[in-house]
């Protein structure tokens, strides 16, 4: 546990460093709990003026939650393990979103799923030339969670619907445009930035290092997203994409046909129930209604099997894209 995460105070900064580079810094339950505990302590510590969260390795800030234990417990029909896992993780996400001190995240390489939850709700979210940010949960029978649904609901031009059901990765410019990041700073300057933050406790020094990330490809296709995902209906979206000549339509279609129909249908409805002014608690509540039931009643176990365990990438989903019964989705939406 101690080797997985390094928590310390340097100068005026509370420092959190994920230390599982070989596992792409996937977050375990123990890491999640350790971050929550220290953040609560630092909230009241006058010596800590800001928080910096980063990770070892070049490939990933955090590729998501470590879900191998979830699968194992689900296989034993111990669904309470998952319910507690998500409950505790979402509490941490809400804590970060409402944290009273500056919370600065450095996101290199892959930042996905649970990694988004511990970074993209921060007050200052820094990306670089290697950043790849995504919410790919629908590919394993889950929905965009860890408060990610709120970020997707706030994205411009129906972009959140596209990102949510396809799980497409965003580069730095796209992440800033979509609202998942704030600042582009080249990776080779991060150590200087961190040192300056530790010494000064002043986030305004970030302006000295900002660079232009270039134009977002997603922003150039805003009109397409507005039209393609305006219906918020999975069957209608697929139909629109099949007729579109935009190259993005083909990419989206290829992702959608592989992803879980129940999860995508719920995601579209969930995002339509949220607005840019929704609270983090509203988003987490809707997410938990699905995730807490996903192993027992959804296709989450099958999704993990296909992608993580057997790696055959051939999940056997319960329904076809145009055949998810409304009553199934209504059942998932019932308050827990």
C-alpha atoms as a PDB file:
ATOM      1  CA  UNK A   1       0.000   0.000   0.000  1.00  0.00           C
ATOM      2  CA  UNK A   2       2.725   2.466   1.018  1.00  0.00           C
ATOM      3  CA  UNK A   3       4.577   1.853  -2.236  1.00  0.00           C
ATOM      4  CA  UNK A   4       1.419   2.501  -4.307  1.00  0.00           C
ATOM      5  CA  UNK A   5       1.029   6.132  -3.246  1.00  0.00           C
ATOM      6  CA  UNK A   6       3.303   8.789  -1.736  1.00  0.00           C
ATOM      7  CA  UNK A   7       1.663  11.373   0.534  1.00  0.00           C
ATOM      8  CA  UNK A   8       3.781  14.194   1.975  1.00  0.00           C
ATOM      9  CA  UNK A   9       4.038  17.931   2.547  1.00  0.00           C
ATOM     10  CA  UNK A  10       6.755  19.846   0.704  1.00  0.00           C
ATOM     11  CA  UNK A  11       6.936  23.566   1.379  1.00  0.00           C
ATOM     12  CA  UNK A  12       3.411  24.923   1.135  1.00  0.00           C
ATOM     13  CA  UNK A  13       2.065  22.003  -0.908  1.00  0.00           C
ATOM     14  CA  UNK A  14       0.345  18.797   0.080  1.00  0.00           C
ATOM     15  CA  UNK A  15       1.742  16.284  -2.411  1.00  0.00           C
ATOM     16  CA  UNK A  16      -0.025  13.165  -3.683  1.00  0.00           C
ATOM     17  CA  UNK A  17       1.906  10.953  -6.108  1.00  0.00           C
ATOM     18  CA  UNK A  18       0.511   7.737  -7.591  1.00  0.00           C
ATOM     19  CA  UNK A  19       3.273   5.125  -7.765  1.00  0.00           C
ATOM     20  CA  UNK A  20       2.024   2.192  -9.852  1.00  0.00           C
ATOM     21  CA  UNK A  21       3.502   3.058 -13.271  1.00  0.00           C
ATOM     22  CA  UNK A  22       3.610  -0.603 -14.403  1.00  0.00           C
ATOM     23  CA  UNK A  23      -0.152  -0.824 -13.751  1.00  0.00           C
ATOM     24  CA  UNK A  24      -0.661   2.570 -15.458  1.00  0.00           C
ATOM     25  CA  UNK A  25      -1.262   3.951 -11.951  1.00  0.00           C
ATOM     26  CA  UNK A  26      -4.649   2.212 -11.738  1.00  0.00           C
ATOM     27  CA  UNK A  27      -6.215   3.212  -8.445  1.00  0.00           C
ATOM     28  CA  UNK A  28      -6.899   0.593  -5.798  1.00  0.00           C
ATOM     29  CA  UNK A  29      -9.525   0.917  -3.089  1.00  0.00           C
ATOM     30  CA  UNK A  30      -6.748   1.472  -0.528  1.00  0.00           C
ATOM     31  CA  UNK A  31      -5.273   4.333  -2.561  1.00  0.00           C
ATOM     32  CA  UNK A  32      -8.694   5.934  -2.818  1.00  0.00           C
ATOM     33  CA  UNK A  33      -9.190   5.781   0.951  1.00  0.00           C
ATOM     34  CA  UNK A  34      -5.684   7.117   1.630  1.00  0.00           C
ATOM     35  CA  UNK A  35      -6.295  10.151  -0.605  1.00  0.00           C
ATOM     36  CA  UNK A  36      -9.600  10.914   1.107  1.00  0.00           C
ATOM     37  CA  UNK A  37      -8.054  10.659   4.592  1.00  0.00           C
ATOM     38  CA  UNK A  38      -5.124  12.963   3.806  1.00  0.00           C
ATOM     39  CA  UNK A  39      -7.297  15.532   1.993  1.00  0.00           C
ATOM     40  CA  UNK A  40      -9.520  15.802   5.050  1.00  0.00           C
ATOM     41  CA  UNK A  41      -6.419  16.354   7.231  1.00  0.00           C
ATOM     42  CA  UNK A  42      -4.895  18.935   4.879  1.00  0.00           C
ATOM     43  CA  UNK A  43      -8.157  20.854   4.669  1.00  0.00           C
ATOM     44  CA  UNK A  44      -7.617  21.990   8.274  1.00  0.00           C
ATOM     45  CA  UNK A  45      -3.807  22.312   8.121  1.00  0.00           C
ATOM     46  CA  UNK A  46      -2.769  25.990   7.743  1.00  0.00           C
ATOM     47  CA  UNK A  47       0.702  24.936   6.545  1.00  0.00           C
ATOM     48  CA  UNK A  48      -0.829  23.326   3.453  1.00  0.00           C
ATOM     49  CA  UNK A  49      -1.903  26.083   1.051  1.00  0.00           C
ATOM     50  CA  UNK A  50      -2.554  23.947  -2.021  1.00  0.00           C
ATOM     51  CA  UNK A  51      -2.671  20.329  -3.188  1.00  0.00           C
ATOM     52  CA  UNK A  52      -0.644  18.827  -6.041  1.00  0.00           C
ATOM     53  CA  UNK A  53      -1.574  15.405  -7.409  1.00  0.00           C
ATOM     54  CA  UNK A  54       0.657  13.714  -9.987  1.00  0.00           C
ATOM     55  CA  UNK A  55       1.914  10.262 -10.925  1.00  0.00           C
ATOM     56  CA  UNK A  56       5.064   8.365 -11.776  1.00  0.00           C
ATOM     57  CA  UNK A  57       5.794   7.160 -15.316  1.00  0.00           C
ATOM     58  CA  UNK A  58       5.213   8.580 -18.771  1.00  0.00           C
ATOM     59  CA  UNK A  59       2.345   6.372 -19.974  1.00  0.00           C
ATOM     60  CA  UNK A  60      -0.414   7.353 -17.583  1.00  0.00           C
ATOM     61  CA  UNK A  61      -1.526   9.654 -14.819  1.00  0.00           C
ATOM     62  CA  UNK A  62      -4.187   7.074 -13.905  1.00  0.00           C
ATOM     63  CA  UNK A  63      -5.816   4.611 -16.279  1.00  0.00           C
ATOM     64  CA  UNK A  64      -8.827   4.155 -13.985  1.00  0.00           C
ATOM     65  CA  UNK A  65      -9.851   2.074 -11.011  1.00  0.00           C
ATOM     66  CA  UNK A  66      -8.267  -1.328 -10.449  1.00  0.00           C
ATOM     67  CA  UNK A  67     -11.336  -3.464 -11.118  1.00  0.00           C
ATOM     68  CA  UNK A  68      -9.851  -6.957 -10.796  1.00  0.00           C
ATOM     69  CA  UNK A  69     -11.089  -7.245  -7.184  1.00  0.00           C
ATOM     70  CA  UNK A  70     -14.538  -6.023  -8.269  1.00  0.00           C
ATOM     71  CA  UNK A  71     -14.722  -8.804 -10.854  1.00  0.00           C
ATOM     72  CA  UNK A  72     -13.579 -11.451  -8.386  1.00  0.00           C
ATOM     73  CA  UNK A  73     -16.141 -10.441  -5.756  1.00  0.00           C
ATOM     74  CA  UNK A  74     -18.867 -10.134  -8.404  1.00  0.00           C
ATOM     75  CA  UNK A  75     -18.082 -13.675  -9.565  1.00  0.00           C
ATOM     76  CA  UNK A  76     -18.844 -14.822  -6.010  1.00  0.00           C
ATOM     77  CA  UNK A  77     -22.085 -12.809  -6.142  1.00  0.00           C
ATOM     78  CA  UNK A  78     -20.721 -10.501  -3.443  1.00  0.00           C
ATOM     79  CA  UNK A  79     -22.291  -7.370  -4.908  1.00  0.00           C
ATOM     80  CA  UNK A  80     -21.943  -5.414  -1.656  1.00  0.00           C
ATOM     81  CA  UNK A  81     -18.207  -5.092  -2.300  1.00  0.00           C
ATOM     82  CA  UNK A  82     -18.855  -3.078  -5.460  1.00  0.00           C
ATOM     83  CA  UNK A  83     -21.552  -0.989  -3.802  1.00  0.00           C
ATOM     84  CA  UNK A  84     -19.162   0.032  -1.025  1.00  0.00           C
ATOM     85  CA  UNK A  85     -16.307   0.582  -3.509  1.00  0.00           C
ATOM     86  CA  UNK A  86     -18.346   3.052  -5.580  1.00  0.00           C
ATOM     87  CA  UNK A  87     -19.927   4.696  -2.558  1.00  0.00           C
ATOM     88  CA  UNK A  88     -16.521   5.471  -1.040  1.00  0.00           C
ATOM     89  CA  UNK A  89     -14.941   6.466  -4.351  1.00  0.00           C
ATOM     90  CA  UNK A  90     -17.770   8.886  -5.180  1.00  0.00           C
ATOM     91  CA  UNK A  91     -17.444  10.502  -1.755  1.00  0.00           C
ATOM     92  CA  UNK A  92     -13.800  11.264  -2.636  1.00  0.00           C
ATOM     93  CA  UNK A  93     -14.830  12.712  -6.015  1.00  0.00           C
ATOM     94  CA  UNK A  94     -17.292  15.057  -4.304  1.00  0.00           C
ATOM     95  CA  UNK A  95     -14.634  16.087  -1.770  1.00  0.00           C
ATOM     96  CA  UNK A  96     -12.235  17.046  -4.575  1.00  0.00           C
ATOM     97  CA  UNK A  97     -14.926  18.921  -6.520  1.00  0.00           C
ATOM     98  CA  UNK A  98     -15.737  21.060  -3.472  1.00  0.00           C
ATOM     99  CA  UNK A  99     -12.243  21.282  -1.975  1.00  0.00           C
ATOM    100  CA  UNK A 100     -11.623  24.683  -0.349  1.00  0.00           C
ATOM    101  CA  UNK A 101      -7.947  24.902  -1.332  1.00  0.00           C
ATOM    102  CA  UNK A 102      -6.428  24.911  -4.839  1.00  0.00           C
ATOM    103  CA  UNK A 103      -6.210  21.341  -6.149  1.00  0.00           C
ATOM    104  CA  UNK A 104      -3.739  21.014  -9.018  1.00  0.00           C
ATOM    105  CA  UNK A 105      -3.634  17.867 -11.154  1.00  0.00           C
ATOM    106  CA  UNK A 106      -0.861  16.998 -13.623  1.00  0.00           C
ATOM    107  CA  UNK A 107      -2.289  14.573 -16.192  1.00  0.00           C
ATOM    108  CA  UNK A 108       0.200  12.937 -18.527  1.00  0.00           C
ATOM    109  CA  UNK A 109      -0.641  10.012 -20.809  1.00  0.00           C
ATOM    110  CA  UNK A 110      -3.822   8.078 -20.053  1.00  0.00           C
ATOM    111  CA  UNK A 111      -6.304   9.696 -17.664  1.00  0.00           C
ATOM    112  CA  UNK A 112      -9.426   7.577 -17.760  1.00  0.00           C
ATOM    113  CA  UNK A 113     -12.385   6.586 -15.600  1.00  0.00           C
ATOM    114  CA  UNK A 114     -11.349   6.728 -11.949  1.00  0.00           C
ATOM    115  CA  UNK A 115      -8.336   8.821 -13.001  1.00  0.00           C
ATOM    116  CA  UNK A 116     -10.720  11.516 -14.239  1.00  0.00           C
ATOM    117  CA  UNK A 117     -12.444  11.441 -10.847  1.00  0.00           C
ATOM    118  CA  UNK A 118      -9.281  12.356  -8.917  1.00  0.00           C
ATOM    119  CA  UNK A 119      -8.059  15.003 -11.359  1.00  0.00           C
ATOM    120  CA  UNK A 120     -10.700  16.639 -13.553  1.00  0.00           C
ATOM    121  CA  UNK A 121     -12.773  17.957 -10.635  1.00  0.00           C
ATOM    122  CA  UNK A 122      -9.771  19.911  -9.379  1.00  0.00           C
ATOM    123  CA  UNK A 123      -9.458  23.693  -9.557  1.00  0.00           C
ATOM    124  CA  UNK A 124      -6.398  23.565 -11.865  1.00  0.00           C
ATOM    125  CA  UNK A 125      -6.092  20.725 -14.389  1.00  0.00           C
ATOM    126  CA  UNK A 126      -2.869  20.578 -16.371  1.00  0.00           C
ATOM    127  CA  UNK A 127      -2.328  18.597 -19.569  1.00  0.00           C
ATOM    128  CA  UNK A 128       0.653  18.148 -21.879  1.00  0.00           C
ATOM    129  CA  UNK A 129       1.620  16.763 -25.282  1.00  0.00           C
ATOM    130  CA  UNK A 130       1.059  13.122 -24.202  1.00  0.00           C
ATOM    131  CA  UNK A 131      -2.321  13.559 -22.464  1.00  0.00           C
ATOM    132  CA  UNK A 132      -5.147  11.202 -23.483  1.00  0.00           C
ATOM    133  CA  UNK A 133      -8.335  11.728 -21.479  1.00  0.00           C
ATOM    134  CA  UNK A 134     -11.417   9.529 -21.810  1.00  0.00           C
ATOM    135  CA  UNK A 135     -14.490   8.063 -20.137  1.00  0.00           C
ATOM    136  CA  UNK A 136     -14.588   4.571 -21.759  1.00  0.00           C
ATOM    137  CA  UNK A 137     -16.915   2.887 -19.259  1.00  0.00           C
ATOM    138  CA  UNK A 138     -19.595   1.894 -21.787  1.00  0.00           C
ATOM    139  CA  UNK A 139     -17.087  -0.538 -23.302  1.00  0.00           C
ATOM    140  CA  UNK A 140     -17.188  -2.612 -20.089  1.00  0.00           C
ATOM    141  CA  UNK A 141     -20.899  -2.344 -19.366  1.00  0.00           C
ATOM    142  CA  UNK A 142     -20.639   0.592 -16.982  1.00  0.00           C
ATOM    143  CA  UNK A 143     -21.571   4.266 -17.385  1.00  0.00           C
ATOM    144  CA  UNK A 144     -19.320   7.345 -17.179  1.00  0.00           C
ATOM    145  CA  UNK A 145     -19.062   7.811 -13.432  1.00  0.00           C
ATOM    146  CA  UNK A 146     -16.824   9.362 -10.709  1.00  0.00           C
ATOM    147  CA  UNK A 147     -18.694  12.596 -11.435  1.00  0.00           C
ATOM    148  CA  UNK A 148     -17.620  12.419 -15.073  1.00  0.00           C
ATOM    149  CA  UNK A 149     -21.254  12.627 -16.141  1.00  0.00           C
ATOM    150  CA  UNK A 150     -21.342  16.221 -14.841  1.00  0.00           C
ATOM    151  CA  UNK A 151     -18.292  17.152 -16.916  1.00  0.00           C
ATOM    152  CA  UNK A 152     -19.916  15.541 -19.963  1.00  0.00           C
ATOM    153  CA  UNK A 153     -23.193  17.392 -19.315  1.00  0.00           C
ATOM    154  CA  UNK A 154     -21.267  20.670 -19.227  1.00  0.00           C
ATOM    155  CA  UNK A 155     -19.427  20.030 -22.512  1.00  0.00           C
ATOM    156  CA  UNK A 156     -20.533  22.252 -25.422  1.00  0.00           C
ATOM    157  CA  UNK A 157     -22.638  21.294 -28.460  1.00  0.00           C
ATOM    158  CA  UNK A 158     -23.838  17.840 -27.301  1.00  0.00           C
ATOM    159  CA  UNK A 159     -20.180  16.817 -27.218  1.00  0.00           C
ATOM    160  CA  UNK A 160     -20.688  15.029 -23.893  1.00  0.00           C
ATOM    161  CA  UNK A 161     -23.080  12.538 -25.480  1.00  0.00           C
ATOM    162  CA  UNK A 162     -20.469  11.677 -28.105  1.00  0.00           C
ATOM    163  CA  UNK A 163     -17.655  11.308 -25.567  1.00  0.00           C
ATOM    164  CA  UNK A 164     -19.871   9.419 -23.111  1.00  0.00           C
ATOM    165  CA  UNK A 165     -21.159   6.643 -25.367  1.00  0.00           C
ATOM    166  CA  UNK A 166     -18.050   6.227 -27.557  1.00  0.00           C
ATOM    167  CA  UNK A 167     -15.303   6.597 -24.931  1.00  0.00           C
ATOM    168  CA  UNK A 168     -13.152   8.400 -27.509  1.00  0.00           C
ATOM    169  CA  UNK A 169      -9.832   9.742 -26.184  1.00  0.00           C
ATOM    170  CA  UNK A 170      -9.187  13.489 -26.106  1.00  0.00           C
ATOM    171  CA  UNK A 171      -5.790  15.089 -26.588  1.00  0.00           C
ATOM    172  CA  UNK A 172      -4.788  18.204 -24.632  1.00  0.00           C
ATOM    173  CA  UNK A 173      -6.537  20.729 -26.903  1.00  0.00           C
ATOM    174  CA  UNK A 174      -9.733  18.660 -27.017  1.00  0.00           C
ATOM    175  CA  UNK A 175      -9.734  18.143 -23.234  1.00  0.00           C
ATOM    176  CA  UNK A 176      -9.468  21.887 -22.641  1.00  0.00           C
ATOM    177  CA  UNK A 177     -12.258  22.584 -25.153  1.00  0.00           C
ATOM    178  CA  UNK A 178     -14.509  19.914 -23.597  1.00  0.00           C
ATOM    179  CA  UNK A 179     -13.954  21.234 -20.065  1.00  0.00           C
ATOM    180  CA  UNK A 180     -11.873  18.358 -18.691  1.00  0.00           C
ATOM    181  CA  UNK A 181      -8.692  20.461 -18.404  1.00  0.00           C
ATOM    182  CA  UNK A 182      -7.582  24.089 -18.052  1.00  0.00           C
ATOM    183  CA  UNK A 183      -3.902  24.523 -18.857  1.00  0.00           C
ATOM    184  CA  UNK A 184      -1.426  23.221 -21.411  1.00  0.00           C
ATOM    185  CA  UNK A 185       2.140  23.087 -20.095  1.00  0.00           C
ATOM    186  CA  UNK A 186       4.826  20.972 -21.853  1.00  0.00           C
ATOM    187  CA  UNK A 187       5.781  17.916 -19.783  1.00  0.00           C
ATOM    188  CA  UNK A 188       9.460  18.863 -19.530  1.00  0.00           C
ATOM    189  CA  UNK A 189       8.492  21.976 -17.559  1.00  0.00           C
ATOM    190  CA  UNK A 190       6.347  20.221 -14.969  1.00  0.00           C
ATOM    191  CA  UNK A 191       9.153  19.775 -12.430  1.00  0.00           C
ATOM    192  CA  UNK A 192       9.848  23.535 -12.452  1.00  0.00           C
ATOM    193  CA  UNK A 193       6.144  24.303 -12.094  1.00  0.00           C
ATOM    194  CA  UNK A 194       5.791  21.893  -9.175  1.00  0.00           C
ATOM    195  CA  UNK A 195       8.826  23.376  -7.431  1.00  0.00           C
ATOM    196  CA  UNK A 196       7.483  26.918  -7.869  1.00  0.00           C
ATOM    197  CA  UNK A 197       4.081  25.892  -6.464  1.00  0.00           C
ATOM    198  CA  UNK A 198       5.708  24.218  -3.463  1.00  0.00           C
ATOM    199  CA  UNK A 199       7.753  27.314  -2.668  1.00  0.00           C
ATOM    200  CA  UNK A 200       5.138  29.987  -3.315  1.00  0.00           C
ATOM    201  CA  UNK A 201       1.792  28.325  -2.568  1.00  0.00           C
ATOM    202  CA  UNK A 202       0.546  30.629  -5.326  1.00  0.00           C
ATOM    203  CA  UNK A 203      -1.341  29.207  -8.339  1.00  0.00           C
ATOM    204  CA  UNK A 204      -0.912  32.432 -10.325  1.00  0.00           C
ATOM    205  CA  UNK A 205       2.627  31.267 -11.214  1.00  0.00           C
ATOM    206  CA  UNK A 206       0.999  28.788 -13.628  1.00  0.00           C
ATOM    207  CA  UNK A 207       0.464  31.673 -16.066  1.00  0.00           C
ATOM    208  CA  UNK A 208       4.238  31.916 -16.516  1.00  0.00           C
ATOM    209  CA  UNK A 209       4.338  28.443 -18.060  1.00  0.00           C
ATOM    210  CA  UNK A 210       1.186  28.284 -20.195  1.00  0.00           C
ATOM    211  CA  UNK A 211       1.567  27.369 -23.865  1.00  0.00           C
ATOM    212  CA  UNK A 212      -0.926  27.138 -26.728  1.00  0.00           C
ATOM    213  CA  UNK A 213      -2.153  23.529 -27.165  1.00  0.00           C
ATOM    214  CA  UNK A 214      -3.201  24.155 -30.758  1.00  0.00           C
ATOM    215  CA  UNK A 215      -6.707  23.917 -32.210  1.00  0.00           C
ATOM    216  CA  UNK A 216      -9.163  21.361 -30.891  1.00  0.00           C
ATOM    217  CA  UNK A 217     -10.394  18.982 -33.591  1.00  0.00           C
ATOM    218  CA  UNK A 218     -13.591  18.525 -31.600  1.00  0.00           C
ATOM    219  CA  UNK A 219     -14.299  22.267 -31.693  1.00  0.00           C
ATOM    220  CA  UNK A 220     -14.074  22.222 -35.488  1.00  0.00           C
ATOM    221  CA  UNK A 221     -16.908  19.668 -35.561  1.00  0.00           C
ATOM    222  CA  UNK A 222     -19.255  21.370 -33.100  1.00  0.00           C
ATOM    223  CA  UNK A 223     -22.099  21.610 -35.639  1.00  0.00           C
ATOM    224  CA  UNK A 224     -21.828  17.892 -36.400  1.00  0.00           C
ATOM    225  CA  UNK A 225     -22.093  16.933 -32.714  1.00  0.00           C
ATOM    226  CA  UNK A 226     -25.036  19.288 -32.284  1.00  0.00           C
ATOM    227  CA  UNK A 227     -26.938  17.504 -35.060  1.00  0.00           C
ATOM    228  CA  UNK A 228     -25.781  13.911 -34.593  1.00  0.00           C
ATOM    229  CA  UNK A 229     -26.480  13.694 -30.866  1.00  0.00           C
ATOM    230  CA  UNK A 230     -29.400  16.098 -30.603  1.00  0.00           C
ATOM    231  CA  UNK A 231     -31.989  13.306 -30.356  1.00  0.00           C
ATOM    232  CA  UNK A 232     -30.383  11.797 -27.214  1.00  0.00           C
ATOM    233  CA  UNK A 233     -31.757   8.484 -28.559  1.00  0.00           C
ATOM    234  CA  UNK A 234     -29.340   5.631 -29.267  1.00  0.00           C
ATOM    235  CA  UNK A 235     -31.153   4.165 -32.280  1.00  0.00           C
ATOM    236  CA  UNK A 236     -31.628   7.595 -33.881  1.00  0.00           C
ATOM    237  CA  UNK A 237     -27.978   8.500 -33.260  1.00  0.00           C
ATOM    238  CA  UNK A 238     -26.772   5.279 -34.900  1.00  0.00           C
ATOM    239  CA  UNK A 239     -29.066   5.915 -37.862  1.00  0.00           C
ATOM    240  CA  UNK A 240     -27.782   9.489 -38.265  1.00  0.00           C
ATOM    241  CA  UNK A 241     -24.150   8.339 -38.079  1.00  0.00           C
ATOM    242  CA  UNK A 242     -24.715   5.634 -40.698  1.00  0.00           C
ATOM    243  CA  UNK A 243     -25.860   8.279 -43.204  1.00  0.00           C
ATOM    244  CA  UNK A 244     -23.254  10.937 -42.372  1.00  0.00           C
ATOM    245  CA  UNK A 245     -20.184  11.455 -44.537  1.00  0.00           C
ATOM    246  CA  UNK A 246     -18.219  13.072 -41.718  1.00  0.00           C
ATOM    247  CA  UNK A 247     -15.181  10.833 -40.892  1.00  0.00           C
ATOM    248  CA  UNK A 248     -16.001  11.234 -37.201  1.00  0.00           C
ATOM    249  CA  UNK A 249     -19.331   9.499 -37.819  1.00  0.00           C
ATOM    250  CA  UNK A 250     -17.536   6.340 -38.946  1.00  0.00           C
ATOM    251  CA  UNK A 251     -15.193   6.396 -35.930  1.00  0.00           C
ATOM    252  CA  UNK A 252     -18.156   6.897 -33.572  1.00  0.00           C
ATOM    253  CA  UNK A 253     -20.137   4.077 -35.198  1.00  0.00           C
ATOM    254  CA  UNK A 254     -17.234   1.634 -34.828  1.00  0.00           C
ATOM    255  CA  UNK A 255     -17.053   2.374 -31.099  1.00  0.00           C
ATOM    256  CA  UNK A 256     -20.804   2.309 -30.495  1.00  0.00           C
ATOM    257  CA  UNK A 257     -21.420  -1.079 -32.120  1.00  0.00           C
ATOM    258  CA  UNK A 258     -18.914  -2.646 -29.696  1.00  0.00           C
ATOM    259  CA  UNK A 259     -20.147  -0.942 -26.537  1.00  0.00           C
ATOM    260  CA  UNK A 260     -22.832  -2.076 -24.080  1.00  0.00           C
ATOM    261  CA  UNK A 261     -26.359  -1.090 -25.238  1.00  0.00           C
ATOM    262  CA  UNK A 262     -27.795  -0.884 -21.696  1.00  0.00           C
ATOM    263  CA  UNK A 263     -24.926   1.330 -20.545  1.00  0.00           C
ATOM    264  CA  UNK A 264     -25.114   3.634 -23.579  1.00  0.00           C
ATOM    265  CA  UNK A 265     -28.896   4.003 -23.313  1.00  0.00           C
ATOM    266  CA  UNK A 266     -28.642   4.862 -19.617  1.00  0.00           C
ATOM    267  CA  UNK A 267     -25.773   7.279 -20.290  1.00  0.00           C
ATOM    268  CA  UNK A 268     -27.794   9.274 -22.835  1.00  0.00           C
ATOM    269  CA  UNK A 269     -30.738   9.563 -20.444  1.00  0.00           C
ATOM    270  CA  UNK A 270     -28.474  10.360 -17.479  1.00  0.00           C
ATOM    271  CA  UNK A 271     -26.744  13.209 -19.314  1.00  0.00           C
ATOM    272  CA  UNK A 272     -30.086  14.617 -20.453  1.00  0.00           C
ATOM    273  CA  UNK A 273     -31.176  14.790 -16.786  1.00  0.00           C
ATOM    274  CA  UNK A 274     -28.119  16.874 -15.853  1.00  0.00           C
ATOM    275  CA  UNK A 275     -27.445  20.499 -16.783  1.00  0.00           C
ATOM    276  CA  UNK A 276     -24.313  22.680 -16.616  1.00  0.00           C
ATOM    277  CA  UNK A 277     -25.623  24.029 -13.293  1.00  0.00           C
ATOM    278  CA  UNK A 278     -26.243  20.604 -11.721  1.00  0.00           C
ATOM    279  CA  UNK A 279     -24.325  19.802  -8.543  1.00  0.00           C
ATOM    280  CA  UNK A 280     -21.681  17.095  -8.287  1.00  0.00           C
ATOM    281  CA  UNK A 281     -23.988  15.240  -5.869  1.00  0.00           C
ATOM    282  CA  UNK A 282     -26.756  15.138  -8.528  1.00  0.00           C
ATOM    283  CA  UNK A 283     -24.381  13.481 -10.995  1.00  0.00           C
ATOM    284  CA  UNK A 284     -22.957  11.003  -8.497  1.00  0.00           C
ATOM    285  CA  UNK A 285     -26.468  10.034  -7.408  1.00  0.00           C
ATOM    286  CA  UNK A 286     -27.533   9.178 -10.969  1.00  0.00           C
ATOM    287  CA  UNK A 287     -24.271   7.322 -11.570  1.00  0.00           C
ATOM    288  CA  UNK A 288     -24.610   5.278  -8.377  1.00  0.00           C
ATOM    289  CA  UNK A 289     -28.142   4.213  -9.304  1.00  0.00           C
ATOM    290  CA  UNK A 290     -26.554   2.378 -12.228  1.00  0.00           C
ATOM    291  CA  UNK A 291     -23.146   1.299 -10.914  1.00  0.00           C
ATOM    292  CA  UNK A 292     -24.524  -0.136  -7.655  1.00  0.00           C
ATOM    293  CA  UNK A 293     -26.749  -2.450  -9.739  1.00  0.00           C
ATOM    294  CA  UNK A 294     -24.397  -3.005 -12.684  1.00  0.00           C
ATOM    295  CA  UNK A 295     -22.904  -6.297 -11.553  1.00  0.00           C
ATOM    296  CA  UNK A 296     -26.121  -7.979 -10.482  1.00  0.00           C
ATOM    297  CA  UNK A 297     -28.522  -6.696 -13.131  1.00  0.00           C
ATOM    298  CA  UNK A 298     -26.362  -5.221 -15.874  1.00  0.00           C
ATOM    299  CA  UNK A 299     -23.540  -6.463 -18.100  1.00  0.00           C
ATOM    300  CA  UNK A 300     -20.583  -5.203 -16.079  1.00  0.00           C
ATOM    301  CA  UNK A 301     -19.223  -8.673 -15.174  1.00  0.00           C
ATOM    302  CA  UNK A 302     -19.345  -9.697 -18.833  1.00  0.00           C
ATOM    303  CA  UNK A 303     -17.684  -6.436 -19.867  1.00  0.00           C
ATOM    304  CA  UNK A 304     -14.745  -6.923 -17.501  1.00  0.00           C
ATOM    305  CA  UNK A 305     -14.415 -10.553 -18.580  1.00  0.00           C
ATOM    306  CA  UNK A 306     -14.164  -9.634 -22.243  1.00  0.00           C
ATOM    307  CA  UNK A 307     -11.837  -6.653 -21.894  1.00  0.00           C
ATOM    308  CA  UNK A 308      -9.747  -7.297 -18.774  1.00  0.00           C
ATOM    309  CA  UNK A 309      -9.871 -11.002 -17.828  1.00  0.00           C
ATOM    310  CA  UNK A 310     -10.073 -13.097 -21.024  1.00  0.00           C
ATOM    311  CA  UNK A 311      -9.151 -10.158 -23.292  1.00  0.00           C
ATOM    312  CA  UNK A 312     -11.113 -11.665 -26.192  1.00  0.00           C
ATOM    313  CA  UNK A 313     -12.844  -8.284 -26.729  1.00  0.00           C
ATOM    314  CA  UNK A 314     -16.057 -10.112 -27.623  1.00  0.00           C
ATOM    315  CA  UNK A 315     -18.571  -9.336 -24.894  1.00  0.00           C
ATOM    316  CA  UNK A 316     -21.984 -10.966 -25.110  1.00  0.00           C
ATOM    317  CA  UNK A 317     -24.277  -8.048 -24.265  1.00  0.00           C
ATOM    318  CA  UNK A 318     -27.833  -8.668 -23.067  1.00  0.00           C
ATOM    319  CA  UNK A 319     -29.599  -6.551 -25.709  1.00  0.00           C
ATOM    320  CA  UNK A 320     -29.069  -5.149 -29.175  1.00  0.00           C
ATOM    321  CA  UNK A 321     -28.664  -1.401 -29.705  1.00  0.00           C
ATOM    322  CA  UNK A 322     -32.278  -0.895 -30.778  1.00  0.00           C
ATOM    323  CA  UNK A 323     -33.700  -3.433 -28.339  1.00  0.00           C
ATOM    324  CA  UNK A 324     -33.091  -2.150 -24.810  1.00  0.00           C
ATOM    325  CA  UNK A 325     -36.503  -2.220 -23.060  1.00  0.00           C
ATOM    326  CA  UNK A 326     -37.547   1.083 -21.496  1.00  0.00           C
ATOM    327  CA  UNK A 327     -38.594  -0.703 -18.298  1.00  0.00           C
ATOM    328  CA  UNK A 328     -35.012  -1.971 -17.818  1.00  0.00           C
ATOM    329  CA  UNK A 329     -33.657   1.585 -17.936  1.00  0.00           C
ATOM    330  CA  UNK A 330     -36.474   2.825 -15.669  1.00  0.00           C
ATOM    331  CA  UNK A 331     -35.525   0.120 -13.166  1.00  0.00           C
ATOM    332  CA  UNK A 332     -31.912   1.311 -13.104  1.00  0.00           C
ATOM    333  CA  UNK A 333     -33.023   4.903 -12.553  1.00  0.00           C
ATOM    334  CA  UNK A 334     -34.969   4.099  -9.392  1.00  0.00           C
ATOM    335  CA  UNK A 335     -33.405   5.713  -6.297  1.00  0.00           C
ATOM    336  CA  UNK A 336     -31.166   3.367  -4.324  1.00  0.00           C
END
